[in-house]
Each structure stands twice: as C-alpha cells, then as structure tokens.
Amino acid sequence: MTDWSWDYNPSAEYITDGLPPEVVAEVERLAAELAVLGHDSVRVGRPFDREGGLRQFDIFGGRGFLSFLPVPRHECVYVCHVTWYG
C-alpha cells in the first residue's frame, strides 16, 4: 500500500461531463488502482517503450481510454482526459 492519491486535472466536472455514470465509476476505480501502484504507475499503459509522461489505458475492452499523468514528486496520479466511444 502506498500513500499515493489520485485526482482529476483540471477538474472532475470538466473531464467527466457527458460521460455515462458507469464509465465515470470505472475511471475512478482504475485511478484508485493506479494510485495503489504508486511509483510503478509510471510504467502502466501506453507508451510501452518508456516510463513517465502522459500515459494511456484502455477501458471497457477498447470502447474508450483514459489519459493519466503519474507525478512521483506529488505522489499523485492525475486523470487528465477520458475518451469514450460508446
């Protein structure tokens, strides 16, 4: 267990506006799991060939994806964007 947390960047309203409730719930569940990974979250998702920076992770079997930024010095995973194809 780590002391990492997660948050929306810039805000929950901006990122989740118009998304179905089940998609928001899945994004928040995944964000919480990424925070549990702590520093290892810099290696999760795409791109596969490097660590750090903006990462992407598929949701619902490719029906969308979330972009997140793990920031080790803040000990936080920031959800920056959610794309939902429906």
PDB file of N, CA and C in Angstrom:
ATOM      1  N   MET A   1       0.838  -1.176   0.000  1.00  0.00           N
ATOM      2  CA  MET A   1       0.000   0.000   0.000  1.00  0.00           C
ATOM      3  C   MET A   1       0.886   1.244   0.000  1.00  0.00           C
ATOM      4  N   THR A   2       0.519   2.220  -0.793  1.00  0.00           N
ATOM      5  CA  THR A   2       1.291   3.453  -0.873  1.00  0.00           C
ATOM      6  C   THR A   2       0.483   4.618  -0.322  1.00  0.00           C
ATOM      7  N   ASP A   3       1.150   5.743  -0.194  1.00  0.00           N
ATOM      8  CA  ASP A   3       0.479   6.967   0.239  1.00  0.00           C
ATOM      9  C   ASP A   3       0.034   7.799  -0.952  1.00  0.00           C
ATOM     10  N   TRP A   4       0.123   7.245  -2.133  1.00  0.00           N
ATOM     11  CA  TRP A   4      -0.270   7.980  -3.329  1.00  0.00           C
ATOM     12  C   TRP A   4      -1.779   8.183  -3.350  1.00  0.00           C
ATOM     13  N   SER A   5      -2.195   9.224  -4.036  1.00  0.00           N
ATOM     14  CA  SER A   5      -3.609   9.503  -4.230  1.00  0.00           C
ATOM     15  C   SER A   5      -3.856   9.729  -5.723  1.00  0.00           C
ATOM     16  N   TRP A   6      -5.083  10.036  -6.070  1.00  0.00           N
ATOM     17  CA  TRP A   6      -5.399  10.368  -7.450  1.00  0.00           C
ATOM     18  C   TRP A   6      -6.351  11.548  -7.440  1.00  0.00           C
ATOM     19  N   ASP A   7      -6.391  12.252  -8.572  1.00  0.00           N
ATOM     20  CA  ASP A   7      -7.264  13.412  -8.697  1.00  0.00           C
ATOM     21  C   ASP A   7      -7.513  13.675 -10.175  1.00  0.00           C
ATOM     22  N   TYR A   8      -8.544  14.429 -10.454  1.00  0.00           N
ATOM     23  CA  TYR A   8      -8.792  14.886 -11.824  1.00  0.00           C
ATOM     24  C   TYR A   8      -7.988  16.155 -12.069  1.00  0.00           C
ATOM     25  N   ASN A   9      -7.517  16.316 -13.292  1.00  0.00           N
ATOM     26  CA  ASN A   9      -6.810  17.538 -13.666  1.00  0.00           C
ATOM     27  C   ASN A   9      -7.292  17.945 -15.051  1.00  0.00           C
ATOM     28  N   PRO A  10      -8.055  19.006 -15.224  1.00  0.00           N
ATOM     29  CA  PRO A  10      -8.212  20.139 -14.322  1.00  0.00           C
ATOM     30  C   PRO A  10      -9.309  19.962 -13.279  1.00  0.00           C
ATOM     31  N   SER A  11     -10.434  19.296 -13.588  1.00  0.00           N
ATOM     32  CA  SER A  11     -11.487  19.097 -12.591  1.00  0.00           C
ATOM     33  C   SER A  11     -12.356  17.918 -12.998  1.00  0.00           C
ATOM     34  N   ALA A  12     -13.071  17.367 -12.031  1.00  0.00           N
ATOM     35  CA  ALA A  12     -13.966  16.253 -12.314  1.00  0.00           C
ATOM     36  C   ALA A  12     -15.073  16.677 -13.270  1.00  0.00           C
ATOM     37  N   GLU A  13     -15.606  17.862 -13.091  1.00  0.00           N
ATOM     38  CA  GLU A  13     -16.693  18.344 -13.944  1.00  0.00           C
ATOM     39  C   GLU A  13     -16.238  18.460 -15.400  1.00  0.00           C
ATOM     40  N   TYR A  14     -15.042  18.967 -15.597  1.00  0.00           N
ATOM     41  CA  TYR A  14     -14.521  19.153 -16.950  1.00  0.00           C
ATOM     42  C   TYR A  14     -14.289  17.818 -17.655  1.00  0.00           C
ATOM     43  N   ILE A  15     -13.727  16.866 -16.941  1.00  0.00           N
ATOM     44  CA  ILE A  15     -13.342  15.597 -17.556  1.00  0.00           C
ATOM     45  C   ILE A  15     -14.511  14.635 -17.707  1.00  0.00           C
ATOM     46  N   THR A  16     -15.429  14.607 -16.752  1.00  0.00           N
ATOM     47  CA  THR A  16     -16.497  13.612 -16.769  1.00  0.00           C
ATOM     48  C   THR A  16     -17.808  14.130 -17.351  1.00  0.00           C
ATOM     49  N   ASP A  17     -17.876  15.381 -17.749  1.00  0.00           N
ATOM     50  CA  ASP A  17     -19.108  15.959 -18.279  1.00  0.00           C
ATOM     51  C   ASP A  17     -19.607  15.171 -19.489  1.00  0.00           C
ATOM     52  N   GLY A  18     -20.816  14.658 -19.407  1.00  0.00           N
ATOM     53  CA  GLY A  18     -21.420  13.934 -20.511  1.00  0.00           C
ATOM     54  C   GLY A  18     -21.126  12.446 -20.550  1.00  0.00           C
ATOM     55  N   LEU A  19     -20.292  11.949 -19.668  1.00  0.00           N
ATOM     56  CA  LEU A  19     -19.982  10.518 -19.648  1.00  0.00           C
ATOM     57  C   LEU A  19     -21.053   9.760 -18.878  1.00  0.00           C
ATOM     58  N   PRO A  20     -21.369   8.533 -19.302  1.00  0.00           N
ATOM     59  CA  PRO A  20     -22.316   7.715 -18.540  1.00  0.00           C
ATOM     60  C   PRO A  20     -21.766   7.419 -17.138  1.00  0.00           C
ATOM     61  N   PRO A  21     -22.641   7.283 -16.151  1.00  0.00           N
ATOM     62  CA  PRO A  21     -22.186   7.035 -14.766  1.00  0.00           C
ATOM     63  C   PRO A  21     -21.304   5.803 -14.623  1.00  0.00           C
ATOM     64  N   GLU A  22     -21.583   4.744 -15.401  1.00  0.00           N
ATOM     65  CA  GLU A  22     -20.760   3.532 -15.275  1.00  0.00           C
ATOM     66  C   GLU A  22     -19.348   3.756 -15.797  1.00  0.00           C
ATOM     67  N   VAL A  23     -19.176   4.648 -16.761  1.00  0.00           N
ATOM     68  CA  VAL A  23     -17.841   4.972 -17.264  1.00  0.00           C
ATOM     69  C   VAL A  23     -17.078   5.771 -16.213  1.00  0.00           C
ATOM     70  N   VAL A  24     -17.749   6.727 -15.584  1.00  0.00           N
ATOM     71  CA  VAL A  24     -17.111   7.519 -14.523  1.00  0.00           C
ATOM     72  C   VAL A  24     -16.688   6.601 -13.379  1.00  0.00           C
ATOM     73  N   ALA A  25     -17.550   5.664 -13.005  1.00  0.00           N
ATOM     74  CA  ALA A  25     -17.218   4.722 -11.932  1.00  0.00           C
ATOM     75  C   ALA A  25     -15.998   3.877 -12.292  1.00  0.00           C
ATOM     76  N   GLU A  26     -15.925   3.420 -13.542  1.00  0.00           N
ATOM     77  CA  GLU A  26     -14.779   2.610 -13.981  1.00  0.00           C
ATOM     78  C   GLU A  26     -13.496   3.439 -14.001  1.00  0.00           C
ATOM     79  N   VAL A  27     -13.578   4.672 -14.458  1.00  0.00           N
ATOM     80  CA  VAL A  27     -12.402   5.554 -14.472  1.00  0.00           C
ATOM     81  C   VAL A  27     -11.909   5.777 -13.044  1.00  0.00           C
ATOM     82  N   GLU A  28     -12.815   6.026 -12.124  1.00  0.00           N
ATOM     83  CA  GLU A  28     -12.412   6.259 -10.731  1.00  0.00           C
ATOM     84  C   GLU A  28     -11.854   4.998 -10.094  1.00  0.00           C
ATOM     85  N   ARG A  29     -12.400   3.842 -10.440  1.00  0.00           N
ATOM     86  CA  ARG A  29     -11.861   2.576  -9.924  1.00  0.00           C
ATOM     87  C   ARG A  29     -10.440   2.351 -10.432  1.00  0.00           C
ATOM     88  N   LEU A  30     -10.239   2.572 -11.739  1.00  0.00           N
ATOM     89  CA  LEU A  30      -8.894   2.406 -12.306  1.00  0.00           C
ATOM     90  C   LEU A  30      -7.909   3.415 -11.731  1.00  0.00           C
ATOM     91  N   ALA A  31      -8.347   4.646 -11.534  1.00  0.00           N
ATOM     92  CA  ALA A  31      -7.473   5.667 -10.954  1.00  0.00           C
ATOM     93  C   ALA A  31      -7.051   5.275  -9.544  1.00  0.00           C
ATOM     94  N   ALA A  32      -7.972   4.731  -8.775  1.00  0.00           N
ATOM     95  CA  ALA A  32      -7.632   4.282  -7.420  1.00  0.00           C
ATOM     96  C   ALA A  32      -6.621   3.137  -7.466  1.00  0.00           C
ATOM     97  N   GLU A  33      -6.782   2.223  -8.415  1.00  0.00           N
ATOM     98  CA  GLU A  33      -5.818   1.124  -8.546  1.00  0.00           C
ATOM     99  C   GLU A  33      -4.450   1.624  -8.997  1.00  0.00           C
ATOM    100  N   LEU A  34      -4.428   2.607  -9.875  1.00  0.00           N
ATOM    101  CA  LEU A  34      -3.149   3.195 -10.292  1.00  0.00           C
ATOM    102  C   LEU A  34      -2.456   3.867  -9.113  1.00  0.00           C
ATOM    103  N   ALA A  35      -3.221   4.526  -8.261  1.00  0.00           N
ATOM    104  CA  ALA A  35      -2.639   5.173  -7.081  1.00  0.00           C
ATOM    105  C   ALA A  35      -2.048   4.138  -6.129  1.00  0.00           C
ATOM    106  N   VAL A  36      -2.686   2.983  -6.028  1.00  0.00           N
ATOM    107  CA  VAL A  36      -2.149   1.913  -5.175  1.00  0.00           C
ATOM    108  C   VAL A  36      -0.798   1.442  -5.697  1.00  0.00           C
ATOM    109  N   LEU A  37      -0.619   1.457  -7.010  1.00  0.00           N
ATOM    110  CA  LEU A  37       0.669   1.061  -7.584  1.00  0.00           C
ATOM    111  C   LEU A  37       1.791   2.021  -7.202  1.00  0.00           C
ATOM    112  N   GLY A  38       1.441   3.255  -6.883  1.00  0.00           N
ATOM    113  CA  GLY A  38       2.450   4.232  -6.502  1.00  0.00           C
ATOM    114  C   GLY A  38       3.400   4.544  -7.641  1.00  0.00           C
ATOM    115  N   HIS A  39       4.689   4.518  -7.359  1.00  0.00           N
ATOM    116  CA  HIS A  39       5.699   4.876  -8.353  1.00  0.00           C
ATOM    117  C   HIS A  39       5.664   3.958  -9.564  1.00  0.00           C
ATOM    118  N   ASP A  40       5.201   2.731  -9.409  1.00  0.00           N
ATOM    119  CA  ASP A  40       5.126   1.798 -10.541  1.00  0.00           C
ATOM    120  C   ASP A  40       4.099   2.228 -11.587  1.00  0.00           C
ATOM    121  N   SER A  41       3.240   3.175 -11.254  1.00  0.00           N
ATOM    122  CA  SER A  41       2.240   3.644 -12.227  1.00  0.00           C
ATOM    123  C   SER A  41       2.882   4.367 -13.408  1.00  0.00           C
ATOM    124  N   VAL A  42       4.160   4.747 -13.295  1.00  0.00           N
ATOM    125  CA  VAL A  42       4.840   5.399 -14.419  1.00  0.00           C
ATOM    126  C   VAL A  42       5.138   4.416 -15.547  1.00  0.00           C
ATOM    127  N   ARG A  43       4.905   3.103 -15.312  1.00  0.00           N
ATOM    128  CA  ARG A  43       5.170   2.085 -16.324  1.00  0.00           C
ATOM    129  C   ARG A  43       3.903   1.436 -16.879  1.00  0.00           C
ATOM    130  N   VAL A  44       2.752   1.850 -16.404  1.00  0.00           N
ATOM    131  CA  VAL A  44       1.484   1.220 -16.794  1.00  0.00           C
ATOM    132  C   VAL A  44       0.926   1.883 -18.046  1.00  0.00           C
ATOM    133  N   GLY A  45       0.374   1.097 -18.942  1.00  0.00           N
ATOM    134  CA  GLY A  45      -0.284   1.634 -20.129  1.00  0.00           C
ATOM    135  C   GLY A  45       0.689   2.015 -21.229  1.00  0.00           C
ATOM    136  N   ARG A  46       0.145   2.754 -22.212  1.00  0.00           N
ATOM    137  CA  ARG A  46       0.960   3.204 -23.344  1.00  0.00           C
ATOM    138  C   ARG A  46       1.591   4.538 -23.008  1.00  0.00           C
ATOM    139  N   PRO A  47       2.723   4.875 -23.532  1.00  0.00           N
ATOM    140  CA  PRO A  47       3.592   4.112 -24.428  1.00  0.00           C
ATOM    141  C   PRO A  47       4.372   3.045 -23.662  1.00  0.00           C
ATOM    142  N   PHE A  48       4.628   1.941 -24.336  1.00  0.00           N
ATOM    143  CA  PHE A  48       5.283   0.799 -23.713  1.00  0.00           C
ATOM    144  C   PHE A  48       6.800   0.934 -23.675  1.00  0.00           C
ATOM    145  N   ASP A  49       7.368   1.778 -24.509  1.00  0.00           N
ATOM    146  CA  ASP A  49       8.822   1.832 -24.656  1.00  0.00           C
ATOM    147  C   ASP A  49       9.519   2.812 -23.721  1.00  0.00           C
ATOM    148  N   ARG A  50       8.768   3.508 -22.853  1.00  0.00           N
ATOM    149  CA  ARG A  50       9.415   4.441 -21.918  1.00  0.00           C
ATOM    150  C   ARG A  50       8.549   4.643 -20.686  1.00  0.00           C
ATOM    151  N   GLU A  51       9.158   5.181 -19.654  1.00  0.00           N
ATOM    152  CA  GLU A  51       8.458   5.462 -18.399  1.00  0.00           C
ATOM    153  C   GLU A  51       8.086   6.931 -18.318  1.00  0.00           C
ATOM    154  N   GLY A  52       7.097   7.212 -17.493  1.00  0.00           N
ATOM    155  CA  GLY A  52       6.732   8.589 -17.195  1.00  0.00           C
ATOM    156  C   GLY A  52       5.965   9.273 -18.305  1.00  0.00           C
ATOM    157  N   GLY A  53       5.643  10.517 -18.063  1.00  0.00           N
ATOM    158  CA  GLY A  53       4.880  11.287 -19.027  1.00  0.00           C
ATOM    159  C   GLY A  53       3.418  10.892 -19.034  1.00  0.00           C
ATOM    160  N   LEU A  54       2.687  11.465 -19.959  1.00  0.00           N
ATOM    161  CA  LEU A  54       1.270  11.167 -20.097  1.00  0.00           C
ATOM    162  C   LEU A  54       1.097   9.740 -20.584  1.00  0.00           C
ATOM    163  N   ARG A  55       0.290   8.962 -19.876  1.00  0.00           N
ATOM    164  CA  ARG A  55       0.074   7.551 -20.173  1.00  0.00           C
ATOM    165  C   ARG A  55      -1.369   7.344 -20.610  1.00  0.00           C
ATOM    166  N   GLN A  56      -1.633   6.260 -21.334  1.00  0.00           N
ATOM    167  CA  GLN A  56      -2.991   5.926 -21.749  1.00  0.00           C
ATOM    168  C   GLN A  56      -3.306   4.491 -21.367  1.00  0.00           C
ATOM    169  N   PHE A  57      -4.566   4.286 -21.026  1.00  0.00           N
ATOM    170  CA  PHE A  57      -5.015   2.983 -20.580  1.00  0.00           C
ATOM    171  C   PHE A  57      -6.411   2.736 -21.148  1.00  0.00           C
ATOM    172  N   ASP A  58      -6.610   1.597 -21.829  1.00  0.00           N
ATOM    173  CA  ASP A  58      -7.918   1.258 -22.395  1.00  0.00           C
ATOM    174  C   ASP A  58      -8.934   0.977 -21.296  1.00  0.00           C
ATOM    175  N   ILE A  59     -10.198   1.334 -21.575  1.00  0.00           N
ATOM    176  CA  ILE A  59     -11.283   0.998 -20.663  1.00  0.00           C
ATOM    177  C   ILE A  59     -12.367   0.265 -21.442  1.00  0.00           C
ATOM    178  N   PHE A  60     -13.060  -0.621 -20.752  1.00  0.00           N
ATOM    179  CA  PHE A  60     -14.157  -1.396 -21.335  1.00  0.00           C
ATOM    180  C   PHE A  60     -13.761  -2.058 -22.649  1.00  0.00           C
ATOM    181  N   GLY A  61     -12.634  -2.737 -22.651  1.00  0.00           N
ATOM    182  CA  GLY A  61     -12.212  -3.514 -23.811  1.00  0.00           C
ATOM    183  C   GLY A  61     -11.987  -2.709 -25.072  1.00  0.00           C
ATOM    184  N   GLY A  62     -11.504  -1.494 -24.939  1.00  0.00           N
ATOM    185  CA  GLY A  62     -11.198  -0.663 -26.091  1.00  0.00           C
ATOM    186  C   GLY A  62     -12.328   0.260 -26.524  1.00  0.00           C
ATOM    187  N   ARG A  63     -13.412   0.308 -25.751  1.00  0.00           N
ATOM    188  CA  ARG A  63     -14.514   1.212 -26.095  1.00  0.00           C
ATOM    189  C   ARG A  63     -14.201   2.652 -25.692  1.00  0.00           C
ATOM    190  N   GLY A  64     -13.044   2.845 -25.102  1.00  0.00           N
ATOM    191  CA  GLY A  64     -12.585   4.167 -24.712  1.00  0.00           C
ATOM    192  C   GLY A  64     -11.224   4.048 -24.069  1.00  0.00           C
ATOM    193  N   PHE A  65     -10.681   5.172 -23.648  1.00  0.00           N
ATOM    194  CA  PHE A  65      -9.416   5.140 -22.921  1.00  0.00           C
ATOM    195  C   PHE A  65      -9.318   6.352 -22.012  1.00  0.00           C
ATOM    196  N   LEU A  66      -8.460   6.216 -21.014  1.00  0.00           N
ATOM    197  CA  LEU A  66      -8.199   7.350 -20.146  1.00  0.00           C
ATOM    198  C   LEU A  66      -6.736   7.723 -20.263  1.00  0.00           C
ATOM    199  N   SER A  67      -6.472   9.002 -20.178  1.00  0.00           N
ATOM    200  CA  SER A  67      -5.104   9.520 -20.172  1.00  0.00           C
ATOM    201  C   SER A  67      -4.814   9.992 -18.760  1.00  0.00           C
ATOM    202  N   PHE A  68      -3.685   9.571 -18.233  1.00  0.00           N
ATOM    203  CA  PHE A  68      -3.340   9.937 -16.868  1.00  0.00           C
ATOM    204  C   PHE A  68      -1.867  10.300 -16.782  1.00  0.00           C
ATOM    205  N   LEU A  69      -1.562  11.082 -15.779  1.00  0.00           N
ATOM    206  CA  LEU A  69      -0.196  11.545 -15.563  1.00  0.00           C
ATOM    207  C   LEU A  69       0.222  11.198 -14.146  1.00  0.00           C
ATOM    208  N   PRO A  70       1.103  10.199 -13.975  1.00  0.00           N
ATOM    209  CA  PRO A  70       1.630   9.919 -12.644  1.00  0.00           C
ATOM    210  C   PRO A  70       2.770  10.902 -12.325  1.00  0.00           C
ATOM    211  N   VAL A  71       2.678  11.561 -11.190  1.00  0.00           N
ATOM    212  CA  VAL A  71       3.683  12.553 -10.802  1.00  0.00           C
ATOM    213  C   VAL A  71       4.312  12.105  -9.476  1.00  0.00           C
ATOM    214  N   PRO A  72       5.490  11.467  -9.546  1.00  0.00           N
ATOM    215  CA  PRO A  72       6.114  10.945  -8.335  1.00  0.00           C
ATOM    216  C   PRO A  72       6.367  11.999  -7.246  1.00  0.00           C
ATOM    217  N   ARG A  73       6.769  13.201  -7.607  1.00  0.00           N
ATOM    218  CA  ARG A  73       7.068  14.185  -6.555  1.00  0.00           C
ATOM    219  C   ARG A  73       5.809  14.652  -5.821  1.00  0.00           C
ATOM    220  N   HIS A  74       4.634  14.532  -6.456  1.00  0.00           N
ATOM    221  CA  HIS A  74       3.367  14.848  -5.787  1.00  0.00           C
ATOM    222  C   HIS A  74       2.731  13.606  -5.163  1.00  0.00           C
ATOM    223  N   GLU A  75       3.284  12.426  -5.486  1.00  0.00           N
ATOM    224  CA  GLU A  75       2.707  11.149  -5.086  1.00  0.00           C
ATOM    225  C   GLU A  75       1.224  11.100  -5.457  1.00  0.00           C
ATOM    226  N   CYS A  76       0.959  11.429  -6.726  1.00  0.00           N
ATOM    227  CA  CYS A  76      -0.412  11.517  -7.195  1.00  0.00           C
ATOM    228  C   CYS A  76      -0.509  11.070  -8.657  1.00  0.00           C
ATOM    229  N   VAL A  77      -1.619  10.443  -8.984  1.00  0.00           N
ATOM    230  CA  VAL A  77      -1.949  10.103 -10.358  1.00  0.00           C
ATOM    231  C   VAL A  77      -3.070  11.043 -10.774  1.00  0.00           C
ATOM    232  N   TYR A  78      -2.838  11.826 -11.819  1.00  0.00           N
ATOM    233  CA  TYR A  78      -3.832  12.778 -12.296  1.00  0.00           C
ATOM    234  C   TYR A  78      -4.530  12.224 -13.533  1.00  0.00           C
ATOM    235  N   VAL A  79      -5.845  12.127 -13.483  1.00  0.00           N
ATOM    236  CA  VAL A  79      -6.639  11.744 -14.645  1.00  0.00           C
ATOM    237  C   VAL A  79      -6.841  13.011 -15.462  1.00  0.00           C
ATOM    238  N   CYS A  80      -6.294  13.022 -16.674  1.00  0.00           N
ATOM    239  CA  CYS A  80      -6.278  14.240 -17.490  1.00  0.00           C
ATOM    240  C   CYS A  80      -7.327  14.264 -18.588  1.00  0.00           C
ATOM    241  N   HIS A  81      -7.751  13.089 -19.052  1.00  0.00           N
ATOM    242  CA  HIS A  81      -8.711  13.064 -20.158  1.00  0.00           C
ATOM    243  C   HIS A  81      -9.336  11.683 -20.255  1.00  0.00           C
ATOM    244  N   VAL A  82     -10.608  11.641 -20.609  1.00  0.00           N
ATOM    245  CA  VAL A  82     -11.289  10.376 -20.866  1.00  0.00           C
ATOM    246  C   VAL A  82     -11.933  10.467 -22.245  1.00  0.00           C
ATOM    247  N   THR A  83     -11.632   9.513 -23.095  1.00  0.00           N
ATOM    248  CA  THR A  83     -12.258   9.410 -24.410  1.00  0.00           C
ATOM    249  C   THR A  83     -13.197   8.218 -24.371  1.00  0.00           C
ATOM    250  N   TRP A  84     -14.458   8.448 -24.725  1.00  0.00           N
ATOM    251  CA  TRP A  84     -15.463   7.386 -24.698  1.00  0.00           C
ATOM    252  C   TRP A  84     -16.111   7.280 -26.063  1.00  0.00           C
ATOM    253  N   TYR A  85     -15.980   6.106 -26.683  1.00  0.00           N
ATOM    254  CA  TYR A  85     -16.562   5.876 -27.999  1.00  0.00           C
ATOM    255  C   TYR A  85     -17.988   5.349 -27.915  1.00  0.00           C
ATOM    256  N   GLY A  86     -18.375   4.855 -26.738  1.00  0.00           N
ATOM    257  CA  GLY A  86     -19.749   4.398 -26.542  1.00  0.00           C
ATOM    258  C   GLY A  86     -20.054   3.074 -26.978  1.00  0.00           C
TER     259      GLY A  86
END
